[in-house]
Amino acid sequence: MTTPCVLRPLPDRATVVDVYGSRFLLEWLDRDTLATAAATARCAAEVERVEVRAAS
């Protein structure tokens, strides 16, 4: 099953690159956005570890 293509404007700080026939969108994020994403990922990983410990 394929996902429908959603057309939306490119972000201001983005670049489209072609690598060996595949197209990628690189979006440049600021430090605050990256820090928030990293904190969210760490929190989610910790919750998962606690759930695994509780299940065993």
C-alpha atoms as a PDB file:
ATOM      1  CA  MET A   1       0.000   0.000   0.000  1.00  0.00           C
ATOM      2  CA  THR A   2       1.342   3.435  -0.820  1.00  0.00           C
ATOM      3  CA  THR A   3       0.726   6.638   1.045  1.00  0.00           C
ATOM      4  CA  PRO A   4      -0.831   9.445  -0.924  1.00  0.00           C
ATOM      5  CA  CYS A   5       1.482  12.286  -1.850  1.00  0.00           C
ATOM      6  CA  VAL A   6       0.719  15.358   0.220  1.00  0.00           C
ATOM      7  CA  LEU A   7       1.621  18.627  -1.424  1.00  0.00           C
ATOM      8  CA  ARG A   8       2.744  21.328   0.945  1.00  0.00           C
ATOM      9  CA  PRO A   9       5.069  24.274   0.592  1.00  0.00           C
ATOM     10  CA  LEU A  10       8.725  23.680   1.311  1.00  0.00           C
ATOM     11  CA  PRO A  11       9.987  25.150   4.588  1.00  0.00           C
ATOM     12  CA  ASP A  12      12.206  28.208   4.243  1.00  0.00           C
ATOM     13  CA  ARG A  13      15.242  26.383   5.563  1.00  0.00           C
ATOM     14  CA  ALA A  14      15.053  23.211   3.470  1.00  0.00           C
ATOM     15  CA  THR A  15      16.982  21.705   0.591  1.00  0.00           C
ATOM     16  CA  VAL A  16      15.917  18.956  -1.795  1.00  0.00           C
ATOM     17  CA  VAL A  17      18.753  16.623  -2.810  1.00  0.00           C
ATOM     18  CA  ASP A  18      18.922  13.673  -5.205  1.00  0.00           C
ATOM     19  CA  VAL A  19      21.097  10.742  -4.152  1.00  0.00           C
ATOM     20  CA  TYR A  20      21.382   7.821  -6.586  1.00  0.00           C
ATOM     21  CA  GLY A  21      17.896   8.444  -7.972  1.00  0.00           C
ATOM     22  CA  SER A  22      16.194   8.956  -4.590  1.00  0.00           C
ATOM     23  CA  ARG A  23      14.982  12.390  -3.538  1.00  0.00           C
ATOM     24  CA  PHE A  24      15.349  13.629   0.042  1.00  0.00           C
ATOM     25  CA  LEU A  25      14.174  16.754   1.809  1.00  0.00           C
ATOM     26  CA  LEU A  26      16.721  18.135   4.267  1.00  0.00           C
ATOM     27  CA  GLU A  27      15.228  20.589   6.706  1.00  0.00           C
ATOM     28  CA  TRP A  28      17.590  22.663   8.791  1.00  0.00           C
ATOM     29  CA  LEU A  29      16.360  22.957  12.347  1.00  0.00           C
ATOM     30  CA  ASP A  30      17.460  25.392  15.006  1.00  0.00           C
ATOM     31  CA  ARG A  31      19.128  24.326  18.245  1.00  0.00           C
ATOM     32  CA  ASP A  32      15.948  24.687  20.356  1.00  0.00           C
ATOM     33  CA  THR A  33      13.958  22.421  18.020  1.00  0.00           C
ATOM     34  CA  LEU A  34      16.690  19.773  18.085  1.00  0.00           C
ATOM     35  CA  ALA A  35      17.024  19.979  21.886  1.00  0.00           C
ATOM     36  CA  THR A  36      13.267  19.514  22.315  1.00  0.00           C
ATOM     37  CA  ALA A  37      13.259  16.513  19.965  1.00  0.00           C
ATOM     38  CA  ALA A  38      16.198  14.928  21.807  1.00  0.00           C
ATOM     39  CA  ALA A  39      14.551  15.430  25.207  1.00  0.00           C
ATOM     40  CA  THR A  40      11.315  13.906  23.916  1.00  0.00           C
ATOM     41  CA  ALA A  41      13.173  10.881  22.522  1.00  0.00           C
ATOM     42  CA  ARG A  42      15.050  10.357  25.821  1.00  0.00           C
ATOM     43  CA  CYS A  43      11.794  10.591  27.781  1.00  0.00           C
ATOM     44  CA  ALA A  44      10.046   8.103  25.478  1.00  0.00           C
ATOM     45  CA  ALA A  45      12.971   5.671  25.762  1.00  0.00           C
ATOM     46  CA  GLU A  46      12.866   5.886  29.571  1.00  0.00           C
ATOM     47  CA  VAL A  47       9.098   5.254  29.634  1.00  0.00           C
ATOM     48  CA  GLU A  48       9.625   2.215  27.401  1.00  0.00           C
ATOM     49  CA  ARG A  49      12.339   0.838  29.712  1.00  0.00           C
ATOM     50  CA  VAL A  50      10.078   1.259  32.757  1.00  0.00           C
ATOM     51  CA  GLU A  51       7.200  -0.505  30.971  1.00  0.00           C
ATOM     52  CA  VAL A  52       9.484  -3.414  29.991  1.00  0.00           C
ATOM     53  CA  ARG A  53      10.741  -3.756  33.584  1.00  0.00           C
ATOM     54  CA  ALA A  54       7.185  -3.676  34.914  1.00  0.00           C
ATOM     55  CA  ALA A  55       6.067  -6.376  32.461  1.00  0.00           C
ATOM     56  CA  SER A  56       8.819  -8.791  33.529  1.00  0.00           C
END
